[in-house]
């Protein structure tokens, strides 16, 4: 009886209109033209009457940009106060609205102060004041941090907070924002919505919008992300064979809506345009969509398919080759979720489309080989890519092969590496491997050269070291 009453109260509360100017997030910054444009985005619980951003090169602001309204479809709350049903359709959809104001005609290398303004029911809510810097002109210095795979892990607040105090200019994020994208409480705090006690306060936006101790993150720095396997809307496609065969189930709609300015085509379906590039000073940034599921039982039919094709004639690879040929920046950085190289069993299942085995219909075979190694790697080498970073395994590994640096700096809250895990099938070993402690990477660009620094974010029993110590330093140039 008690559970029925609680559930009834829950559904009644869900039916009530959101309070005026109910905000779910602070503003976050996205741009495909970071030297001259910046999109200021924020999420609300109701659409409001209108919204805008006040901005300017001084704290007096003085300029105004109207914020467009979008409804973010597919985000849901818990079916009961005690938990979720695995089927997203059995959980009530949460009203989430997105405001986006694009500030244009900005000066390169300039600092802009701003605040968001939302009018609802005749009342104007004034946001906190923040600032951002546009990308500098060629030849000017800047820095950025690498993050990925937060997924509400237990130590992410400390690690991300440290990264936010490095005074960087932007963030590259290598996928896996949360565990299940339709679950609202994994993105931001929601009243009367189930969340595991150990995950409370570790929502993705909560972690990435910290300001304690002078941290500057999404409100101050533009984000350049790529999708990972946990960005697929319905995670059951990875483990349910019937769903894995249904093309309609394979979408990235929530991820692409949240980061709309980077994906103006909004092609949610598998093999839609889930990639982009942008120039930041002397650096050309390329974001790709490369991921599948974990390797366990990975040879069972239908096999663990690639979400987006990277075969030689695929739209993504053709776009990548054209983009690399046309780039004019002297330095190039690629971000993709799935590892180019990695120790461990995950790399032994090739990154290509599986076929049903002619010998055993319950098994899959991969006759096309590994497209990361055989298709992408030659392109990176041919076109002078300086570095490729990725996530997924929650480790710190760095490789150097034919002039290209391959980096997984993703020991954010835990890692999935055993000391005796096998090498990549190519036989290449990491130049540096350090998974005993949490860490992140800071990359500096000065005088046309890049320097990467692995920074320790925890001690974890190691003697004679300190949090904040640089444990790996290396140069990247062609």
Protein backbone atom coordinates (compact mmCIF):
# COMPACT_ATOMS: atom_id res chain seq x y z
CA UNK A 1 0.00 0.00 0.00
CA UNK A 2 2.79 2.43 0.94
CA UNK A 3 4.56 1.84 -2.39
CA UNK A 4 1.35 2.56 -4.30
CA UNK A 5 0.89 5.87 -2.46
CA UNK A 6 4.53 6.86 -3.05
CA UNK A 7 4.25 5.98 -6.74
CA UNK A 8 0.98 7.94 -7.06
CA UNK A 9 2.55 11.01 -5.43
CA UNK A 10 5.53 10.65 -7.75
CA UNK A 11 3.39 10.66 -10.89
CA UNK A 12 1.34 13.59 -9.60
CA UNK A 13 4.54 15.56 -8.97
CA UNK A 14 5.75 14.71 -12.46
CA UNK A 15 2.53 16.15 -13.92
CA UNK A 16 2.93 19.52 -12.19
CA UNK A 17 4.36 22.38 -14.24
CA UNK A 18 7.98 23.26 -13.59
CA UNK A 19 8.69 26.32 -11.50
CA UNK A 20 9.56 29.59 -13.21
CA UNK A 21 13.01 29.65 -14.78
CA UNK A 22 13.82 26.19 -13.44
CA UNK A 23 17.38 25.53 -14.62
CA UNK A 24 19.09 22.17 -14.81
CA UNK A 25 22.56 23.37 -15.78
CA UNK A 26 24.80 26.38 -15.82
CA UNK A 27 25.73 27.59 -19.32
CA UNK A 28 28.14 25.52 -21.40
CA UNK A 29 30.13 26.57 -24.47
CA UNK A 30 30.36 24.99 -27.93
CA UNK A 31 31.72 26.27 -31.24
CA UNK A 32 32.83 25.14 -34.69
CA UNK A 33 34.39 28.58 -35.24
CA UNK A 34 35.96 29.36 -31.86
CA UNK A 35 37.95 32.38 -33.08
CA UNK A 36 34.81 34.33 -34.12
CA UNK A 37 31.71 32.58 -32.72
CA UNK A 38 30.60 31.00 -29.45
CA UNK A 39 27.34 29.22 -28.70
CA UNK A 40 26.17 29.59 -25.10
CA UNK A 41 23.84 26.71 -24.16
CA UNK A 42 21.86 25.94 -21.03
CA UNK A 43 19.14 23.47 -19.99
CA UNK A 44 15.87 24.33 -18.28
CA UNK A 45 12.79 22.62 -16.92
CA UNK A 46 10.34 24.80 -18.81
CA UNK A 47 10.54 26.83 -22.02
CA UNK A 48 10.02 30.30 -20.57
CA UNK A 49 8.83 33.29 -22.55
CA UNK A 50 12.19 34.30 -23.98
CA UNK A 51 15.90 34.15 -23.20
CA UNK A 52 19.05 35.95 -24.21
CA UNK A 53 22.73 36.37 -23.39
CA UNK A 54 24.27 39.66 -22.37
CA UNK A 55 27.97 39.86 -23.23
CA UNK A 56 30.87 42.16 -23.91
CA UNK A 57 34.63 42.63 -23.63
CA UNK A 58 34.25 44.29 -20.24
CA UNK A 59 32.17 43.52 -17.18
CA UNK A 60 29.76 46.23 -18.32
CA UNK A 61 28.66 43.76 -21.06
CA UNK A 62 26.62 45.96 -23.43
CA UNK A 63 25.74 43.50 -26.23
CA UNK A 64 22.81 41.09 -26.47
CA UNK A 65 22.20 37.85 -28.40
CA UNK A 66 18.80 36.16 -28.54
CA UNK A 67 18.67 32.52 -27.40
CA UNK A 68 16.78 30.05 -29.57
CA UNK A 69 14.55 27.46 -27.90
CA UNK A 70 14.81 23.70 -28.48
CA UNK A 71 13.12 20.82 -26.70
CA UNK A 72 15.47 17.95 -25.82
CA UNK A 73 13.54 14.76 -26.48
CA UNK A 74 14.19 11.39 -24.87
CA UNK A 75 15.51 12.24 -21.39
CA UNK A 76 13.54 10.38 -18.72
CA UNK A 77 13.19 10.10 -14.97
CA UNK A 78 12.84 6.92 -12.91
CA UNK A 79 9.71 4.81 -13.16
CA UNK A 80 9.52 4.70 -9.36
CA UNK A 81 11.35 6.47 -6.58
CA UNK A 82 13.21 3.22 -5.92
CA UNK A 83 14.65 2.63 -9.37
CA UNK A 84 14.38 2.41 -13.14
CA UNK A 85 12.80 -0.03 -15.54
CA UNK A 86 15.38 -1.14 -18.14
CA UNK A 87 12.97 -0.21 -20.92
CA UNK A 88 13.23 3.58 -21.40
CA UNK A 89 9.65 3.69 -22.71
CA UNK A 90 8.44 2.54 -19.27
CA UNK A 91 9.96 5.58 -17.57
CA UNK A 92 8.27 9.01 -17.78
CA UNK A 93 9.88 11.52 -20.13
CA UNK A 94 11.21 14.65 -18.45
CA UNK A 95 10.56 18.05 -19.96
CA UNK A 96 13.99 19.44 -20.84
CA UNK A 97 14.41 22.63 -22.83
CA UNK A 98 17.61 23.95 -24.32
CA UNK A 99 18.42 27.58 -24.94
CA UNK A 100 21.24 28.41 -27.36
CA UNK A 101 22.53 31.91 -28.08
CA UNK A 102 25.26 32.15 -30.72
CA UNK A 103 27.55 35.12 -30.26
CA UNK A 104 29.00 36.17 -33.62
CA UNK A 105 31.56 38.62 -35.03
CA UNK A 106 33.84 38.08 -32.04
CA UNK A 107 37.49 39.12 -32.04
CA UNK A 108 40.12 36.35 -32.04
CA UNK A 109 42.14 35.99 -28.86
CA UNK A 110 39.75 38.20 -26.86
CA UNK A 111 38.08 37.65 -23.48
CA UNK A 112 34.30 38.07 -23.30
CA UNK A 113 32.20 38.39 -20.16
CA UNK A 114 28.64 37.07 -20.29
CA UNK A 115 25.54 36.03 -18.38
CA UNK A 116 22.38 34.21 -19.45
CA UNK A 117 18.94 35.78 -18.96
CA UNK A 118 15.66 33.84 -18.90
CA UNK A 119 12.18 35.37 -18.78
CA UNK A 120 9.36 33.15 -17.55
CA UNK A 121 5.88 34.08 -16.33
CA UNK A 122 6.87 37.73 -16.55
CA UNK A 123 9.89 37.30 -14.28
CA UNK A 124 13.48 37.62 -15.47
CA UNK A 125 16.09 35.29 -14.00
CA UNK A 126 19.66 36.55 -14.23
CA UNK A 127 22.43 33.97 -14.46
CA UNK A 128 25.84 34.15 -12.85
CA UNK A 129 28.58 36.03 -14.64
CA UNK A 130 31.24 34.04 -16.46
CA UNK A 131 33.77 34.69 -19.20
CA UNK A 132 35.44 32.87 -22.08
CA UNK A 133 38.29 33.48 -24.51
CA UNK A 134 38.03 33.12 -28.26
CA UNK A 135 40.67 31.12 -30.11
CA UNK A 136 43.82 33.13 -30.77
CA UNK A 137 45.34 34.09 -34.08
CA UNK A 138 47.94 31.77 -35.62
CA UNK A 139 51.20 31.65 -33.72
CA UNK A 140 49.75 32.53 -30.32
CA UNK A 141 50.03 30.10 -27.37
CA UNK A 142 47.16 28.18 -25.77
CA UNK A 143 46.54 24.97 -23.82
CA UNK A 144 43.83 22.34 -23.39
CA UNK A 145 42.99 19.36 -21.19
CA UNK A 146 41.94 15.83 -22.10
CA UNK A 147 39.04 14.22 -20.24
CA UNK A 148 36.69 11.28 -20.86
CA UNK A 149 34.69 8.45 -19.29
CA UNK A 150 33.35 10.19 -16.18
CA UNK A 151 30.30 7.90 -15.83
CA UNK A 152 29.61 8.94 -12.22
CA UNK A 153 32.77 7.19 -11.02
CA UNK A 154 33.61 7.75 -7.38
CA UNK A 155 36.64 10.07 -7.73
CA UNK A 156 35.68 12.17 -10.74
CA UNK A 157 34.97 15.36 -8.79
CA UNK A 158 38.54 15.61 -7.52
CA UNK A 159 40.14 14.73 -10.85
CA UNK A 160 37.96 17.02 -12.98
CA UNK A 161 38.28 19.82 -10.43
CA UNK A 162 42.07 19.60 -10.68
CA UNK A 163 41.88 19.76 -14.47
CA UNK A 164 39.68 22.83 -14.18
CA UNK A 165 42.35 24.64 -12.18
CA UNK A 166 45.00 24.32 -14.93
CA UNK A 167 43.88 27.57 -16.59
CA UNK A 168 43.40 25.81 -19.95
CA UNK A 169 41.62 27.33 -22.95
CA UNK A 170 39.39 24.41 -23.99
CA UNK A 171 38.54 20.78 -23.26
CA UNK A 172 38.73 17.75 -25.54
CA UNK A 173 36.42 14.99 -24.28
CA UNK A 174 36.80 11.45 -25.64
CA UNK A 175 33.28 10.08 -25.03
CA UNK A 176 31.30 8.12 -22.41
CA UNK A 177 29.68 10.99 -20.52
CA UNK A 178 27.40 8.81 -18.40
CA UNK A 179 26.21 5.20 -18.39
CA UNK A 180 22.68 5.49 -19.82
CA UNK A 181 21.90 8.73 -21.68
CA UNK A 182 18.13 8.73 -21.19
CA UNK A 183 18.53 8.75 -17.39
CA UNK A 184 18.16 12.41 -16.39
CA UNK A 185 19.85 12.04 -13.02
CA UNK A 186 23.11 10.95 -14.68
CA UNK A 187 23.29 14.33 -16.45
CA UNK A 188 22.10 16.78 -13.77
CA UNK A 189 20.32 16.71 -10.38
CA UNK A 190 16.56 16.11 -10.62
CA UNK A 191 14.17 16.14 -7.68
CA UNK A 192 12.22 12.94 -7.04
CA UNK A 193 14.33 10.98 -9.51
CA UNK A 194 16.18 7.80 -8.60
CA UNK A 195 19.96 7.86 -8.50
CA UNK A 196 22.29 5.43 -6.79
CA UNK A 197 23.49 6.90 -3.49
CA UNK A 198 27.15 6.55 -4.51
CA UNK A 199 26.48 8.49 -7.74
CA UNK A 200 24.61 11.41 -6.20
CA UNK A 201 26.48 14.67 -6.73
CA UNK A 202 28.54 13.11 -9.53
CA UNK A 203 26.18 13.88 -12.41
CA UNK A 204 28.05 14.79 -15.60
CA UNK A 205 27.15 18.48 -15.63
CA UNK A 206 27.71 18.69 -11.87
CA UNK A 207 31.26 17.37 -12.27
CA UNK A 208 32.00 19.41 -15.39
CA UNK A 209 30.66 22.71 -14.02
CA UNK A 210 32.52 22.82 -10.70
CA UNK A 211 33.87 26.20 -9.62
CA UNK A 212 35.33 25.33 -6.21
CA UNK A 213 38.92 26.37 -5.71
CA UNK A 214 38.90 28.47 -8.85
CA UNK A 215 38.05 25.61 -11.24
CA UNK A 216 37.07 26.80 -14.70
CA UNK A 217 35.28 24.22 -16.81
CA UNK A 218 32.27 24.22 -19.16
CA UNK A 219 31.10 27.75 -18.27
CA UNK A 220 34.51 29.14 -19.26
CA UNK A 221 35.98 26.71 -21.81
CA UNK A 222 34.53 25.45 -25.09
CA UNK A 223 34.13 21.69 -25.27
CA UNK A 224 35.14 19.51 -28.24
CA UNK A 225 33.68 16.03 -27.59
CA UNK A 226 33.16 12.83 -29.53
CA UNK A 227 30.53 10.14 -28.85
CA UNK A 228 31.30 6.83 -27.12
CA UNK A 229 29.40 3.58 -26.74
CA UNK A 230 27.52 4.94 -23.72
CA UNK A 231 26.04 7.69 -25.89
CA UNK A 232 23.80 5.21 -27.76
CA UNK A 233 20.27 6.15 -26.67
CA UNK A 234 19.13 2.64 -25.73
CA UNK A 235 22.03 0.72 -24.22
CA UNK A 236 20.20 -2.57 -24.73
CA UNK A 237 21.36 -2.60 -28.37
CA UNK A 238 24.75 -3.76 -27.13
CA UNK A 239 23.58 -6.84 -25.24
CA UNK A 240 20.17 -7.81 -26.71
CA UNK A 241 20.55 -9.67 -30.01
CA UNK A 242 17.11 -8.80 -31.35
CA UNK A 243 17.65 -5.11 -30.65
CA UNK A 244 21.11 -5.29 -32.19
CA UNK A 245 19.42 -6.26 -35.47
CA UNK A 246 16.91 -3.37 -35.39
CA UNK A 247 18.24 -0.26 -37.20
CA UNK A 248 15.59 1.95 -35.57
CA UNK A 249 17.11 1.29 -32.14
CA UNK A 250 20.54 2.60 -33.11
CA UNK A 251 20.47 6.34 -32.45
CA UNK A 252 22.53 9.08 -30.75
CA UNK A 253 19.70 11.57 -30.36
CA UNK A 254 20.25 12.70 -26.76
CA UNK A 255 23.99 13.24 -27.20
CA UNK A 256 23.49 15.15 -30.44
CA UNK A 257 20.73 17.34 -29.02
CA UNK A 258 22.77 18.29 -25.98
CA UNK A 259 25.72 19.27 -28.20
CA UNK A 260 23.58 20.60 -31.05
CA UNK A 261 25.87 23.43 -32.30
CA UNK A 262 28.56 20.87 -33.17
CA UNK A 263 26.10 18.70 -35.11
CA UNK A 264 23.85 21.09 -37.08
CA UNK A 265 22.61 18.26 -39.33
CA UNK A 266 21.18 16.43 -36.28
CA UNK A 267 21.40 13.05 -38.03
CA UNK A 268 20.68 10.73 -35.11
CA UNK A 269 20.68 7.37 -36.90
CA UNK A 270 23.61 5.00 -37.25
CA UNK A 271 26.02 6.22 -39.96
CA UNK A 272 24.57 9.71 -39.82
CA UNK A 273 27.04 12.60 -39.70
CA UNK A 274 28.44 12.25 -36.19
CA UNK A 275 31.80 13.93 -36.86
CA UNK A 276 33.14 17.46 -37.29
CA UNK A 277 36.31 19.55 -37.32
CA UNK A 278 37.32 22.99 -36.06
CA UNK A 279 40.42 25.18 -36.03
CA UNK A 280 41.78 26.58 -32.77
CA UNK A 281 44.81 28.79 -33.32
CA UNK A 282 47.53 26.63 -34.91
CA UNK A 283 45.61 23.42 -34.18
CA UNK A 284 43.13 21.56 -36.39
CA UNK A 285 40.77 19.48 -34.21
CA UNK A 286 38.96 16.47 -35.70
CA UNK A 287 36.24 14.62 -33.79
CA UNK A 288 35.25 11.15 -35.05
CA UNK A 289 32.56 8.62 -34.15
CA UNK A 290 34.31 5.29 -33.55
CA UNK A 291 32.98 2.84 -30.99
CA UNK A 292 31.33 -0.50 -30.33
CA UNK A 293 30.63 -2.51 -27.18
CA UNK A 294 32.98 -4.37 -24.85
CA UNK A 295 34.64 -7.59 -26.04
CA UNK A 296 33.09 -10.07 -23.62
CA UNK A 297 31.30 -12.77 -25.61
CA UNK A 298 32.13 -10.59 -28.57
CA UNK A 299 32.30 -13.39 -31.09
CA UNK A 300 28.66 -14.39 -30.69
CA UNK A 301 26.39 -13.53 -33.62
CA UNK A 302 25.42 -10.85 -34.50
CA UNK A 303 28.75 -9.71 -33.06
CA UNK A 304 29.64 -6.36 -31.57
CA UNK A 305 29.03 -4.10 -34.55
CA UNK A 306 30.65 -0.73 -35.13
CA UNK A 307 28.07 1.97 -34.56
CA UNK A 308 29.44 4.12 -37.40
CA UNK A 309 31.24 2.60 -40.37
CA UNK A 310 34.97 3.26 -40.85
CA UNK A 311 35.58 1.02 -43.84
CA UNK A 312 37.65 2.61 -46.64
CA UNK A 313 34.62 3.75 -48.68
CA UNK A 314 32.45 4.83 -45.74
CA UNK A 315 31.11 8.41 -45.55
CA UNK A 316 33.08 9.07 -42.35
CA UNK A 317 36.42 7.96 -43.78
CA UNK A 318 35.83 9.82 -47.06
CA UNK A 319 35.02 12.96 -45.06
CA UNK A 320 38.11 12.43 -42.89
CA UNK A 321 40.45 12.11 -45.88
CA UNK A 322 38.99 15.23 -47.51
CA UNK A 323 39.22 17.18 -44.26
CA UNK A 324 42.85 16.18 -43.74
CA UNK A 325 43.74 17.20 -47.30
CA UNK A 326 42.06 20.61 -46.95
CA UNK A 327 43.31 21.58 -43.48
CA UNK A 328 45.71 24.52 -43.32
CA UNK A 329 46.70 24.49 -39.64
CA UNK A 330 50.26 23.24 -38.98
CA UNK A 331 49.19 20.94 -36.10
CA UNK A 332 46.44 18.31 -36.10
CA UNK A 333 44.67 16.54 -33.23
CA UNK A 334 42.10 13.73 -33.57
CA UNK A 335 39.72 12.60 -30.83
CA UNK A 336 37.86 9.28 -31.05
CA UNK A 337 36.36 7.15 -28.31
CA UNK A 338 37.69 3.74 -29.32
CA UNK A 339 41.40 3.13 -28.87
CA UNK A 340 43.77 3.02 -31.80
CA UNK A 341 46.10 0.91 -29.68
CA UNK A 342 45.59 -0.63 -26.31
CA UNK A 343 46.80 -3.41 -24.07
CA UNK A 344 44.17 -5.96 -23.23
CA UNK A 345 41.58 -8.22 -24.83
CA UNK A 346 39.46 -5.42 -26.31
CA UNK A 347 41.78 -4.84 -29.26
CA UNK A 348 41.75 -8.49 -30.33
CA UNK A 349 38.27 -8.22 -31.81
CA UNK A 350 38.76 -6.26 -35.05
CA UNK A 351 37.05 -2.91 -35.55
CA UNK A 352 35.00 -3.90 -38.58
CA UNK A 353 31.60 -5.29 -39.44
CA UNK A 354 31.02 -8.87 -38.21
CA UNK A 355 29.49 -11.61 -40.33
CA UNK A 356 27.83 -14.82 -39.16
CA UNK A 357 30.27 -17.69 -39.23
CA UNK A 358 29.58 -20.23 -42.02
CA UNK A 359 30.68 -22.94 -39.59
CA UNK A 360 28.70 -21.92 -36.51
CA UNK A 361 25.63 -19.64 -36.88
CA UNK A 362 25.96 -18.66 -33.23
CA UNK A 363 29.38 -17.14 -33.82
CA UNK A 364 30.64 -14.09 -35.68
CA UNK A 365 33.71 -13.67 -37.86
CA UNK A 366 35.49 -10.47 -38.85
CA UNK A 367 36.88 -11.00 -42.37
CA UNK A 368 37.64 -7.31 -43.05
CA UNK A 369 40.28 -6.92 -40.35
CA UNK A 370 40.82 -3.97 -38.03
CA UNK A 371 39.86 -0.68 -39.70
CA UNK A 372 41.44 1.43 -36.97
CA UNK A 373 44.83 -0.11 -37.74
CA UNK A 374 44.48 -0.73 -41.48
CA UNK A 375 42.40 2.28 -42.59
CA UNK A 376 42.73 5.14 -40.10
CA UNK A 377 46.38 4.73 -39.10
CA UNK A 378 47.75 5.12 -42.67
CA UNK A 379 45.64 8.27 -43.11
CA UNK A 380 46.97 9.75 -39.88
CA UNK A 381 50.54 9.04 -40.93
CA UNK A 382 50.09 10.28 -44.50
CA UNK A 383 48.53 13.60 -43.54
CA UNK A 384 50.76 14.54 -40.65
CA UNK A 385 48.41 14.04 -37.70
CA UNK A 386 50.35 14.84 -34.52
CA UNK A 387 48.21 13.06 -31.96
CA UNK A 388 45.13 10.87 -31.58
CA UNK A 389 43.52 10.59 -28.17
CA UNK A 390 40.82 8.19 -27.05
CA UNK A 391 39.13 6.77 -23.95
CA UNK A 392 37.06 3.71 -23.11
CA UNK A 393 39.48 1.61 -21.03
CA UNK A 394 40.02 4.19 -18.26
CA UNK A 395 43.82 3.91 -18.40
CA UNK A 396 46.91 6.03 -19.04
CA UNK A 397 48.79 4.72 -22.05
CA UNK A 398 50.87 6.54 -24.66
CA UNK A 399 52.26 5.14 -27.89
CA UNK A 400 54.46 6.68 -30.62
CA UNK A 401 54.28 5.03 -34.05
CA UNK A 402 55.68 6.53 -37.26
CA UNK A 403 55.54 10.04 -35.84
CA UNK A 404 51.96 9.88 -34.53
CA UNK A 405 51.23 9.97 -30.79
CA UNK A 406 48.37 7.74 -29.62
CA UNK A 407 47.13 8.67 -26.16
CA UNK A 408 44.58 7.35 -23.71
CA UNK A 409 44.65 9.68 -20.72
CA UNK A 410 41.48 8.46 -19.07
CA UNK A 411 42.33 7.28 -15.55
CA UNK A 412 39.66 9.62 -14.20
CA UNK A 413 37.85 7.55 -11.56
CA UNK A 414 38.97 3.94 -12.08
CA UNK A 415 40.73 1.84 -14.70
CA UNK A 416 40.22 -1.52 -16.40
CA UNK A 417 43.78 -2.67 -16.84
CA UNK A 418 45.61 -5.70 -15.53
CA UNK A 419 49.41 -5.52 -15.39
CA UNK A 420 49.85 -8.64 -17.53
CA UNK A 421 47.22 -7.84 -20.17
CA UNK A 422 48.43 -8.73 -23.69
CA UNK A 423 49.91 -6.16 -26.05
CA UNK A 424 48.08 -4.79 -29.05
CA UNK A 425 47.93 -7.37 -31.86
CA UNK A 426 50.53 -5.34 -33.81
CA UNK A 427 53.04 -6.04 -31.04
CA UNK A 428 53.49 -2.34 -30.19
CA UNK A 429 54.03 -1.63 -26.49
CA UNK A 430 53.23 1.67 -24.77
CA UNK A 431 56.04 4.19 -24.48
CA UNK A 432 54.53 5.11 -21.11
CA UNK A 433 51.93 3.19 -19.12
CA UNK A 434 50.92 4.40 -15.68
CA UNK A 435 47.63 3.18 -14.26
CA UNK A 436 48.44 3.08 -10.54
CA UNK A 437 46.87 6.48 -9.91
CA UNK A 438 44.28 8.86 -11.33
CA UNK A 439 45.51 11.41 -13.84
CA UNK A 440 44.64 13.70 -16.71
CA UNK A 441 46.62 15.35 -19.50
CA UNK A 442 47.39 19.01 -20.17
CA UNK A 443 48.62 19.94 -23.66
CA UNK A 444 50.35 23.25 -24.37
CA UNK A 445 50.87 24.77 -27.82
CA UNK A 446 53.71 27.30 -28.06
CA UNK A 447 55.61 28.46 -31.15
CA UNK A 448 54.04 25.82 -33.36
CA UNK A 449 54.96 22.93 -31.08
CA UNK A 450 52.89 20.85 -28.69
CA UNK A 451 53.92 19.48 -25.31
CA UNK A 452 51.86 16.96 -23.38
CA UNK A 453 52.03 16.49 -19.63
CA UNK A 454 50.47 13.66 -17.67
CA UNK A 455 49.46 15.07 -14.28
CA UNK A 456 48.92 12.91 -11.21
CA UNK A 457 45.53 13.40 -9.57
CA UNK A 458 45.93 10.97 -6.65
CA UNK A 459 48.64 9.28 -4.58
CA UNK A 460 46.97 5.90 -4.07
CA UNK A 461 49.65 4.48 -1.79
CA UNK A 462 52.70 5.43 -3.85
CA UNK A 463 55.44 6.88 -1.68
CA UNK A 464 57.45 10.02 -2.32
CA UNK A 465 55.03 11.59 -4.79
CA UNK A 466 52.45 14.36 -4.62
CA UNK A 467 49.11 15.11 -6.19
CA UNK A 468 49.75 17.49 -9.07
CA UNK A 469 53.12 15.96 -9.92
CA UNK A 470 53.93 15.72 -13.64
CA UNK A 471 54.84 12.09 -14.36
CA UNK A 472 55.03 12.16 -18.16
CA UNK A 473 56.31 14.93 -20.46
CA UNK A 474 56.66 14.63 -24.23
CA UNK A 475 56.84 16.83 -27.34
CA UNK A 476 54.61 16.51 -30.40
CA UNK A 477 55.76 18.07 -33.68
CA UNK A 478 56.23 17.08 -37.30
